[in-house]
């Protein structure tokens, strides 16, 4: 669970900003968005497969760019 300790003399705005930053770093917002609706197992597999394809293609393009620079 995310929690912050408000320091002496710290404004509420800055404490809230730190809390929001911690939530983003922990991936809470993306987790909430992902769990907002039920996702069938077949859809989950499809999403993961597509993400793997995107990741592989991005890696391939980075390797090509790196080869061109040499």
PDB file of N, CA and C in Angstrom:
ATOM      1  N   UNK A   1       0.848  -1.171   0.000  1.00  0.00           N
ATOM      2  CA  UNK A   1       0.000   0.000   0.000  1.00  0.00           C
ATOM      3  C   UNK A   1       0.895   1.234   0.000  1.00  0.00           C
ATOM      4  N   UNK A   2       0.515   2.196  -0.802  1.00  0.00           N
ATOM      5  CA  UNK A   2       1.277   3.430  -0.936  1.00  0.00           C
ATOM      6  C   UNK A   2       0.917   4.361   0.218  1.00  0.00           C
ATOM      7  N   UNK A   3       1.920   4.965   0.790  1.00  0.00           N
ATOM      8  CA  UNK A   3       1.704   5.940   1.838  1.00  0.00           C
ATOM      9  C   UNK A   3       2.866   6.907   1.887  1.00  0.00           C
ATOM     10  N   UNK A   4       2.580   8.120   2.278  1.00  0.00           N
ATOM     11  CA  UNK A   4       3.636   9.114   2.422  1.00  0.00           C
ATOM     12  C   UNK A   4       3.517   9.743   3.795  1.00  0.00           C
ATOM     13  N   UNK A   5       4.605  10.264   4.271  1.00  0.00           N
ATOM     14  CA  UNK A   5       4.623  10.978   5.542  1.00  0.00           C
ATOM     15  C   UNK A   5       4.747  12.456   5.215  1.00  0.00           C
ATOM     16  N   UNK A   6       3.776  13.235   5.683  1.00  0.00           N
ATOM     17  CA  UNK A   6       3.793  14.673   5.432  1.00  0.00           C
ATOM     18  C   UNK A   6       4.830  15.296   6.355  1.00  0.00           C
ATOM     19  N   UNK A   7       5.753  16.004   5.758  1.00  0.00           N
ATOM     20  CA  UNK A   7       6.849  16.616   6.508  1.00  0.00           C
ATOM     21  C   UNK A   7       6.373  17.903   7.180  1.00  0.00           C
ATOM     22  N   UNK A   8       7.095  18.322   8.221  1.00  0.00           N
ATOM     23  CA  UNK A   8       6.749  19.563   8.909  1.00  0.00           C
ATOM     24  C   UNK A   8       6.882  20.734   7.949  1.00  0.00           C
ATOM     25  N   UNK A   9       5.864  21.571   7.903  1.00  0.00           N
ATOM     26  CA  UNK A   9       5.893  22.754   7.053  1.00  0.00           C
ATOM     27  C   UNK A   9       5.595  22.460   5.590  1.00  0.00           C
ATOM     28  N   UNK A  10       5.292  21.215   5.241  1.00  0.00           N
ATOM     29  CA  UNK A  10       5.007  20.870   3.848  1.00  0.00           C
ATOM     30  C   UNK A  10       3.544  21.180   3.547  1.00  0.00           C
ATOM     31  N   UNK A  11       3.315  21.790   2.406  1.00  0.00           N
ATOM     32  CA  UNK A  11       1.945  22.130   2.044  1.00  0.00           C
ATOM     33  C   UNK A  11       1.195  20.877   1.601  1.00  0.00           C
ATOM     34  N   UNK A  12      -0.111  20.972   1.652  1.00  0.00           N
ATOM     35  CA  UNK A  12      -0.960  19.860   1.235  1.00  0.00           C
ATOM     36  C   UNK A  12      -0.760  19.581  -0.253  1.00  0.00           C
ATOM     37  N   UNK A  13      -0.588  20.640  -1.036  1.00  0.00           N
ATOM     38  CA  UNK A  13      -0.407  20.472  -2.478  1.00  0.00           C
ATOM     39  C   UNK A  13       0.851  19.669  -2.799  1.00  0.00           C
ATOM     40  N   UNK A  14       1.944  19.983  -2.137  1.00  0.00           N
ATOM     41  CA  UNK A  14       3.186  19.259  -2.427  1.00  0.00           C
ATOM     42  C   UNK A  14       3.101  17.814  -1.935  1.00  0.00           C
ATOM     43  N   UNK A  15       2.423  17.587  -0.807  1.00  0.00           N
ATOM     44  CA  UNK A  15       2.255  16.219  -0.313  1.00  0.00           C
ATOM     45  C   UNK A  15       1.385  15.413  -1.273  1.00  0.00           C
ATOM     46  N   UNK A  16       0.336  16.032  -1.794  1.00  0.00           N
ATOM     47  CA  UNK A  16      -0.534  15.362  -2.757  1.00  0.00           C
ATOM     48  C   UNK A  16       0.222  15.055  -4.044  1.00  0.00           C
ATOM     49  N   UNK A  17       1.074  15.977  -4.449  1.00  0.00           N
ATOM     50  CA  UNK A  17       1.881  15.771  -5.652  1.00  0.00           C
ATOM     51  C   UNK A  17       2.835  14.587  -5.461  1.00  0.00           C
ATOM     52  N   UNK A  18       3.461  14.495  -4.281  1.00  0.00           N
ATOM     53  CA  UNK A  18       4.348  13.366  -3.996  1.00  0.00           C
ATOM     54  C   UNK A  18       3.584  12.051  -3.992  1.00  0.00           C
ATOM     55  N   UNK A  19       2.363  12.075  -3.411  1.00  0.00           N
ATOM     56  CA  UNK A  19       1.540  10.867  -3.364  1.00  0.00           C
ATOM     57  C   UNK A  19       1.168  10.409  -4.771  1.00  0.00           C
ATOM     58  N   UNK A  20       0.756  11.337  -5.622  1.00  0.00           N
ATOM     59  CA  UNK A  20       0.393  10.991  -6.998  1.00  0.00           C
ATOM     60  C   UNK A  20       1.592  10.419  -7.745  1.00  0.00           C
ATOM     61  N   UNK A  21       2.768  11.000  -7.534  1.00  0.00           N
ATOM     62  CA  UNK A  21       3.987  10.513  -8.186  1.00  0.00           C
ATOM     63  C   UNK A  21       4.292   9.080  -7.740  1.00  0.00           C
ATOM     64  N   UNK A  22       4.122   8.791  -6.449  1.00  0.00           N
ATOM     65  CA  UNK A  22       4.345   7.438  -5.939  1.00  0.00           C
ATOM     66  C   UNK A  22       3.360   6.453  -6.562  1.00  0.00           C
ATOM     67  N   UNK A  23       2.105   6.884  -6.735  1.00  0.00           N
ATOM     68  CA  UNK A  23       1.095   6.017  -7.350  1.00  0.00           C
ATOM     69  C   UNK A  23       1.458   5.700  -8.794  1.00  0.00           C
ATOM     70  N   UNK A  24       1.920   6.693  -9.531  1.00  0.00           N
ATOM     71  CA  UNK A  24       2.316   6.475 -10.925  1.00  0.00           C
ATOM     72  C   UNK A  24       3.509   5.533 -10.983  1.00  0.00           C
ATOM     73  N   UNK A  25       4.496   5.741 -10.122  1.00  0.00           N
ATOM     74  CA  UNK A  25       5.685   4.891 -10.108  1.00  0.00           C
ATOM     75  C   UNK A  25       5.352   3.448  -9.743  1.00  0.00           C
ATOM     76  N   UNK A  26       4.352   3.253  -8.900  1.00  0.00           N
ATOM     77  CA  UNK A  26       3.968   1.906  -8.488  1.00  0.00           C
ATOM     78  C   UNK A  26       3.074   1.229  -9.518  1.00  0.00           C
ATOM     79  N   UNK A  27       2.584   1.980 -10.501  1.00  0.00           N
ATOM     80  CA  UNK A  27       1.747   1.403 -11.549  1.00  0.00           C
ATOM     81  C   UNK A  27       0.304   1.195 -11.138  1.00  0.00           C
ATOM     82  N   UNK A  28      -0.146   1.925 -10.151  1.00  0.00           N
ATOM     83  CA  UNK A  28      -1.506   1.754  -9.654  1.00  0.00           C
ATOM     84  C   UNK A  28      -2.534   2.205 -10.680  1.00  0.00           C
ATOM     85  N   UNK A  29      -2.292   3.326 -11.349  1.00  0.00           N
ATOM     86  CA  UNK A  29      -3.257   3.838 -12.323  1.00  0.00           C
ATOM     87  C   UNK A  29      -3.456   2.864 -13.472  1.00  0.00           C
ATOM     88  N   UNK A  30      -2.378   2.312 -13.984  1.00  0.00           N
ATOM     89  CA  UNK A  30      -2.506   1.367 -15.093  1.00  0.00           C
ATOM     90  C   UNK A  30      -3.199   0.087 -14.637  1.00  0.00           C
ATOM     91  N   UNK A  31      -2.953  -0.327 -13.407  1.00  0.00           N
ATOM     92  CA  UNK A  31      -3.601  -1.518 -12.864  1.00  0.00           C
ATOM     93  C   UNK A  31      -5.104  -1.299 -12.721  1.00  0.00           C
ATOM     94  N   UNK A  32      -5.501  -0.134 -12.244  1.00  0.00           N
ATOM     95  CA  UNK A  32      -6.924   0.180 -12.102  1.00  0.00           C
ATOM     96  C   UNK A  32      -7.590   0.213 -13.468  1.00  0.00           C
ATOM     97  N   UNK A  33      -6.931   0.834 -14.422  1.00  0.00           N
ATOM     98  CA  UNK A  33      -7.488   0.913 -15.773  1.00  0.00           C
ATOM     99  C   UNK A  33      -7.631  -0.481 -16.379  1.00  0.00           C
ATOM    100  N   UNK A  34      -6.649  -1.339 -16.142  1.00  0.00           N
ATOM    101  CA  UNK A  34      -6.687  -2.689 -16.696  1.00  0.00           C
ATOM    102  C   UNK A  34      -7.803  -3.515 -16.062  1.00  0.00           C
ATOM    103  N   UNK A  35      -8.064  -3.319 -14.788  1.00  0.00           N
ATOM    104  CA  UNK A  35      -9.068  -4.108 -14.077  1.00  0.00           C
ATOM    105  C   UNK A  35     -10.458  -3.480 -14.088  1.00  0.00           C
ATOM    106  N   UNK A  36     -10.627  -2.392 -14.802  1.00  0.00           N
ATOM    107  CA  UNK A  36     -11.913  -1.697 -14.805  1.00  0.00           C
ATOM    108  C   UNK A  36     -13.032  -2.595 -15.330  1.00  0.00           C
ATOM    109  N   UNK A  37     -12.744  -3.376 -16.362  1.00  0.00           N
ATOM    110  CA  UNK A  37     -13.726  -4.274 -16.946  1.00  0.00           C
ATOM    111  C   UNK A  37     -13.142  -5.676 -16.985  1.00  0.00           C
ATOM    112  N   UNK A  38     -14.029  -6.666 -16.964  1.00  0.00           N
ATOM    113  CA  UNK A  38     -13.576  -8.050 -17.040  1.00  0.00           C
ATOM    114  C   UNK A  38     -12.979  -8.315 -18.412  1.00  0.00           C
ATOM    115  N   UNK A  39     -11.875  -9.016 -18.427  1.00  0.00           N
ATOM    116  CA  UNK A  39     -11.214  -9.362 -19.680  1.00  0.00           C
ATOM    117  C   UNK A  39     -11.186 -10.888 -19.788  1.00  0.00           C
ATOM    118  N   UNK A  40     -11.784 -11.393 -20.857  1.00  0.00           N
ATOM    119  CA  UNK A  40     -11.813 -12.836 -21.053  1.00  0.00           C
ATOM    120  C   UNK A  40     -10.384 -13.349 -21.224  1.00  0.00           C
ATOM    121  N   UNK A  41     -10.145 -14.592 -20.819  1.00  0.00           N
ATOM    122  CA  UNK A  41      -8.794 -15.146 -20.964  1.00  0.00           C
ATOM    123  C   UNK A  41      -8.285 -15.107 -22.398  1.00  0.00           C
ATOM    124  N   UNK A  42      -9.157 -15.315 -23.366  1.00  0.00           N
ATOM    125  CA  UNK A  42      -8.717 -15.271 -24.767  1.00  0.00           C
ATOM    126  C   UNK A  42      -8.289 -13.861 -25.152  1.00  0.00           C
ATOM    127  N   UNK A  43      -8.999 -12.854 -24.640  1.00  0.00           N
ATOM    128  CA  UNK A  43      -8.624 -11.466 -24.922  1.00  0.00           C
ATOM    129  C   UNK A  43      -7.300 -11.121 -24.244  1.00  0.00           C
ATOM    130  N   UNK A  44      -7.090 -11.649 -23.043  1.00  0.00           N
ATOM    131  CA  UNK A  44      -5.848 -11.399 -22.319  1.00  0.00           C
ATOM    132  C   UNK A  44      -4.661 -11.991 -23.082  1.00  0.00           C
ATOM    133  N   UNK A  45      -4.843 -13.214 -23.587  1.00  0.00           N
ATOM    134  CA  UNK A  45      -3.780 -13.849 -24.379  1.00  0.00           C
ATOM    135  C   UNK A  45      -3.491 -13.047 -25.634  1.00  0.00           C
ATOM    136  N   UNK A  46      -4.554 -12.575 -26.282  1.00  0.00           N
ATOM    137  CA  UNK A  46      -4.391 -11.794 -27.512  1.00  0.00           C
ATOM    138  C   UNK A  46      -3.638 -10.499 -27.219  1.00  0.00           C
ATOM    139  N   UNK A  47      -3.999  -9.824 -26.117  1.00  0.00           N
ATOM    140  CA  UNK A  47      -3.337  -8.574 -25.750  1.00  0.00           C
ATOM    141  C   UNK A  47      -1.852  -8.806 -25.464  1.00  0.00           C
ATOM    142  N   UNK A  48      -1.547  -9.877 -24.739  1.00  0.00           N
ATOM    143  CA  UNK A  48      -0.152 -10.181 -24.427  1.00  0.00           C
ATOM    144  C   UNK A  48       0.630 -10.556 -25.681  1.00  0.00           C
ATOM    145  N   UNK A  49      -0.007 -11.314 -26.572  1.00  0.00           N
ATOM    146  CA  UNK A  49       0.663 -11.705 -27.815  1.00  0.00           C
ATOM    147  C   UNK A  49       0.972 -10.478 -28.665  1.00  0.00           C
ATOM    148  N   UNK A  50       0.001  -9.560 -28.772  1.00  0.00           N
ATOM    149  CA  UNK A  50       0.213  -8.333 -29.547  1.00  0.00           C
ATOM    150  C   UNK A  50       1.296  -7.459 -28.919  1.00  0.00           C
ATOM    151  N   UNK A  51       1.337  -7.411 -27.586  1.00  0.00           N
ATOM    152  CA  UNK A  51       2.378  -6.633 -26.910  1.00  0.00           C
ATOM    153  C   UNK A  51       3.755  -7.236 -27.182  1.00  0.00           C
ATOM    154  N   UNK A  52       3.839  -8.555 -27.209  1.00  0.00           N
ATOM    155  CA  UNK A  52       5.115  -9.213 -27.495  1.00  0.00           C
ATOM    156  C   UNK A  52       5.559  -8.923 -28.924  1.00  0.00           C
ATOM    157  N   UNK A  53       4.605  -8.897 -29.855  1.00  0.00           N
ATOM    158  CA  UNK A  53       4.928  -8.584 -31.250  1.00  0.00           C
ATOM    159  C   UNK A  53       5.450  -7.160 -31.363  1.00  0.00           C
ATOM    160  N   UNK A  54       4.769  -6.215 -30.693  1.00  0.00           N
ATOM    161  CA  UNK A  54       5.217  -4.818 -30.719  1.00  0.00           C
ATOM    162  C   UNK A  54       6.620  -4.690 -30.134  1.00  0.00           C
ATOM    163  N   UNK A  55       6.854  -5.369 -29.013  1.00  0.00           N
ATOM    164  CA  UNK A  55       8.163  -5.304 -28.359  1.00  0.00           C
ATOM    165  C   UNK A  55       9.252  -5.881 -29.256  1.00  0.00           C
ATOM    166  N   UNK A  56       8.960  -7.008 -29.892  1.00  0.00           N
ATOM    167  CA  UNK A  56       9.934  -7.644 -30.776  1.00  0.00           C
ATOM    168  C   UNK A  56      10.241  -6.755 -31.980  1.00  0.00           C
ATOM    169  N   UNK A  57       9.210  -6.131 -32.556  1.00  0.00           N
ATOM    170  CA  UNK A  57       9.399  -5.250 -33.716  1.00  0.00           C
ATOM    171  C   UNK A  57      10.213  -4.007 -33.328  1.00  0.00           C
ATOM    172  N   UNK A  58       9.926  -3.463 -32.158  1.00  0.00           N
ATOM    173  CA  UNK A  58      10.669  -2.297 -31.685  1.00  0.00           C
ATOM    174  C   UNK A  58      12.147  -2.645 -31.489  1.00  0.00           C
ATOM    175  N   UNK A  59      12.406  -3.811 -30.917  1.00  0.00           N
ATOM    176  CA  UNK A  59      13.783  -4.253 -30.700  1.00  0.00           C
ATOM    177  C   UNK A  59      14.497  -4.447 -32.034  1.00  0.00           C
ATOM    178  N   UNK A  60      13.790  -5.016 -33.016  1.00  0.00           N
ATOM    179  CA  UNK A  60      14.378  -5.237 -34.335  1.00  0.00           C
ATOM    180  C   UNK A  60      14.740  -3.914 -34.999  1.00  0.00           C
ATOM    181  N   UNK A  61      13.845  -2.922 -34.895  1.00  0.00           N
ATOM    182  CA  UNK A  61      14.116  -1.612 -35.481  1.00  0.00           C
ATOM    183  C   UNK A  61      15.299  -0.925 -34.799  1.00  0.00           C
ATOM    184  N   UNK A  62      15.400  -1.075 -33.484  1.00  0.00           N
ATOM    185  CA  UNK A  62      16.526  -0.484 -32.761  1.00  0.00           C
ATOM    186  C   UNK A  62      17.845  -1.118 -33.199  1.00  0.00           C
ATOM    187  N   UNK A  63      17.837  -2.421 -33.421  1.00  0.00           N
ATOM    188  CA  UNK A  63      19.046  -3.111 -33.880  1.00  0.00           C
ATOM    189  C   UNK A  63      19.435  -2.632 -35.273  1.00  0.00           C
ATOM    190  N   UNK A  64      18.455  -2.433 -36.154  1.00  0.00           N
ATOM    191  CA  UNK A  64      18.740  -1.944 -37.503  1.00  0.00           C
ATOM    192  C   UNK A  64      19.338  -0.542 -37.456  1.00  0.00           C
ATOM    193  N   UNK A  65      18.781   0.311 -36.617  1.00  0.00           N
ATOM    194  CA  UNK A  65      19.307   1.675 -36.484  1.00  0.00           C
ATOM    195  C   UNK A  65      20.733   1.652 -35.943  1.00  0.00           C
ATOM    196  N   UNK A  66      20.974   0.756 -35.000  1.00  0.00           N
ATOM    197  CA  UNK A  66      22.306   0.650 -34.409  1.00  0.00           C
ATOM    198  C   UNK A  66      23.317   0.180 -35.453  1.00  0.00           C
ATOM    199  N   UNK A  67      22.924  -0.769 -36.306  1.00  0.00           N
ATOM    200  CA  UNK A  67      23.813  -1.260 -37.360  1.00  0.00           C
ATOM    201  C   UNK A  67      24.140  -0.162 -38.361  1.00  0.00           C
ATOM    202  N   UNK A  68      23.166   0.671 -38.675  1.00  0.00           N
ATOM    203  CA  UNK A  68      23.384   1.761 -39.628  1.00  0.00           C
ATOM    204  C   UNK A  68      24.385   2.779 -39.093  1.00  0.00           C
ATOM    205  N   UNK A  69      24.388   2.987 -37.787  1.00  0.00           N
ATOM    206  CA  UNK A  69      25.289   3.968 -37.193  1.00  0.00           C
ATOM    207  C   UNK A  69      26.728   3.482 -37.188  1.00  0.00           C
ATOM    208  N   UNK A  70      26.930   2.199 -37.220  1.00  0.00           N
ATOM    209  CA  UNK A  70      28.297   1.655 -37.185  1.00  0.00           C
ATOM    210  C   UNK A  70      28.917   1.786 -38.497  1.00  0.00           C
TER     211      UNK A  70
END
